[in-house]
Amino acid sequence: MPMKYVVRLSPEEREQLQDLVSNRKTQAYRIRHARVLLKADAEGPDWMD
């Protein structure tokens, strides 16, 4: 199955998302969305959708 969306994060975006995930006072749904984006990043672990 071909990938529908390819996520490419800039280094600044990646750093912002990592800061968001490490912050304990962030809402859970925001942390979950940030983790998904970090995992789906083509330059990162490159997990499938």
C-alpha atoms as a PDB file:
ATOM      1  CA  MET A   1       0.000   0.000   0.000  1.00  0.00           C
ATOM      2  CA  PRO A   2       1.563   3.341  -1.020  1.00  0.00           C
ATOM      3  CA  MET A   3       1.994   6.010   1.619  1.00  0.00           C
ATOM      4  CA  LYS A   4      -0.719   8.627   1.507  1.00  0.00           C
ATOM      5  CA  TYR A   5       1.173  11.402   3.273  1.00  0.00           C
ATOM      6  CA  VAL A   6       4.881  12.000   3.698  1.00  0.00           C
ATOM      7  CA  VAL A   7       5.852  13.974   6.803  1.00  0.00           C
ATOM      8  CA  ARG A   8       9.040  16.022   6.562  1.00  0.00           C
ATOM      9  CA  LEU A   9       9.907  18.089   9.613  1.00  0.00           C
ATOM     10  CA  SER A  10      12.516  20.809   9.693  1.00  0.00           C
ATOM     11  CA  PRO A  11      15.050  20.695  12.524  1.00  0.00           C
ATOM     12  CA  GLU A  12      13.234  23.591  14.225  1.00  0.00           C
ATOM     13  CA  GLU A  13       9.861  21.812  14.011  1.00  0.00           C
ATOM     14  CA  ARG A  14      11.401  18.597  15.330  1.00  0.00           C
ATOM     15  CA  GLU A  15      12.940  20.481  18.269  1.00  0.00           C
ATOM     16  CA  GLN A  16       9.607  22.183  19.078  1.00  0.00           C
ATOM     17  CA  LEU A  17       7.789  18.845  19.066  1.00  0.00           C
ATOM     18  CA  GLN A  18      10.422  17.218  21.266  1.00  0.00           C
ATOM     19  CA  ASP A  19      10.127  20.112  23.736  1.00  0.00           C
ATOM     20  CA  LEU A  20       6.352  19.709  23.715  1.00  0.00           C
ATOM     21  CA  VAL A  21       6.622  15.976  24.454  1.00  0.00           C
ATOM     22  CA  SER A  22       9.075  16.518  27.308  1.00  0.00           C
ATOM     23  CA  ASN A  23       6.914  19.205  28.959  1.00  0.00           C
ATOM     24  CA  ARG A  24       4.825  17.619  31.738  1.00  0.00           C
ATOM     25  CA  LYS A  25       2.180  20.369  31.743  1.00  0.00           C
ATOM     26  CA  THR A  26       1.113  19.874  28.129  1.00  0.00           C
ATOM     27  CA  GLN A  27      -2.302  18.393  27.393  1.00  0.00           C
ATOM     28  CA  ALA A  28      -2.254  14.667  26.642  1.00  0.00           C
ATOM     29  CA  TYR A  29      -3.752  14.935  23.164  1.00  0.00           C
ATOM     30  CA  ARG A  30      -1.072  17.455  22.139  1.00  0.00           C
ATOM     31  CA  ILE A  31       1.673  15.137  23.371  1.00  0.00           C
ATOM     32  CA  ARG A  32       0.121  12.224  21.463  1.00  0.00           C
ATOM     33  CA  HIS A  33      -0.076  14.260  18.230  1.00  0.00           C
ATOM     34  CA  ALA A  34       3.517  15.427  18.642  1.00  0.00           C
ATOM     35  CA  ARG A  35       4.731  11.834  19.164  1.00  0.00           C
ATOM     36  CA  VAL A  36       2.879  10.658  16.052  1.00  0.00           C
ATOM     37  CA  LEU A  37       4.462  13.415  13.963  1.00  0.00           C
ATOM     38  CA  LEU A  38       7.916  12.630  15.312  1.00  0.00           C
ATOM     39  CA  LYS A  39       7.498   8.911  14.563  1.00  0.00           C
ATOM     40  CA  ALA A  40       6.147   9.551  11.045  1.00  0.00           C
ATOM     41  CA  ASP A  41       8.921  11.983  10.103  1.00  0.00           C
ATOM     42  CA  ALA A  42      10.717  10.818   6.959  1.00  0.00           C
ATOM     43  CA  GLU A  43      14.062  11.934   8.437  1.00  0.00           C
ATOM     44  CA  GLY A  44      13.351  10.164  11.743  1.00  0.00           C
ATOM     45  CA  PRO A  45      12.291   6.554  12.441  1.00  0.00           C
ATOM     46  CA  ASP A  46      10.116   6.644   9.265  1.00  0.00           C
ATOM     47  CA  TRP A  47       7.246   4.571  10.630  1.00  0.00           C
ATOM     48  CA  MET A  48       4.407   3.695   8.278  1.00  0.00           C
ATOM     49  CA  ASP A  49       1.018   5.401   8.614  1.00  0.00           C
END
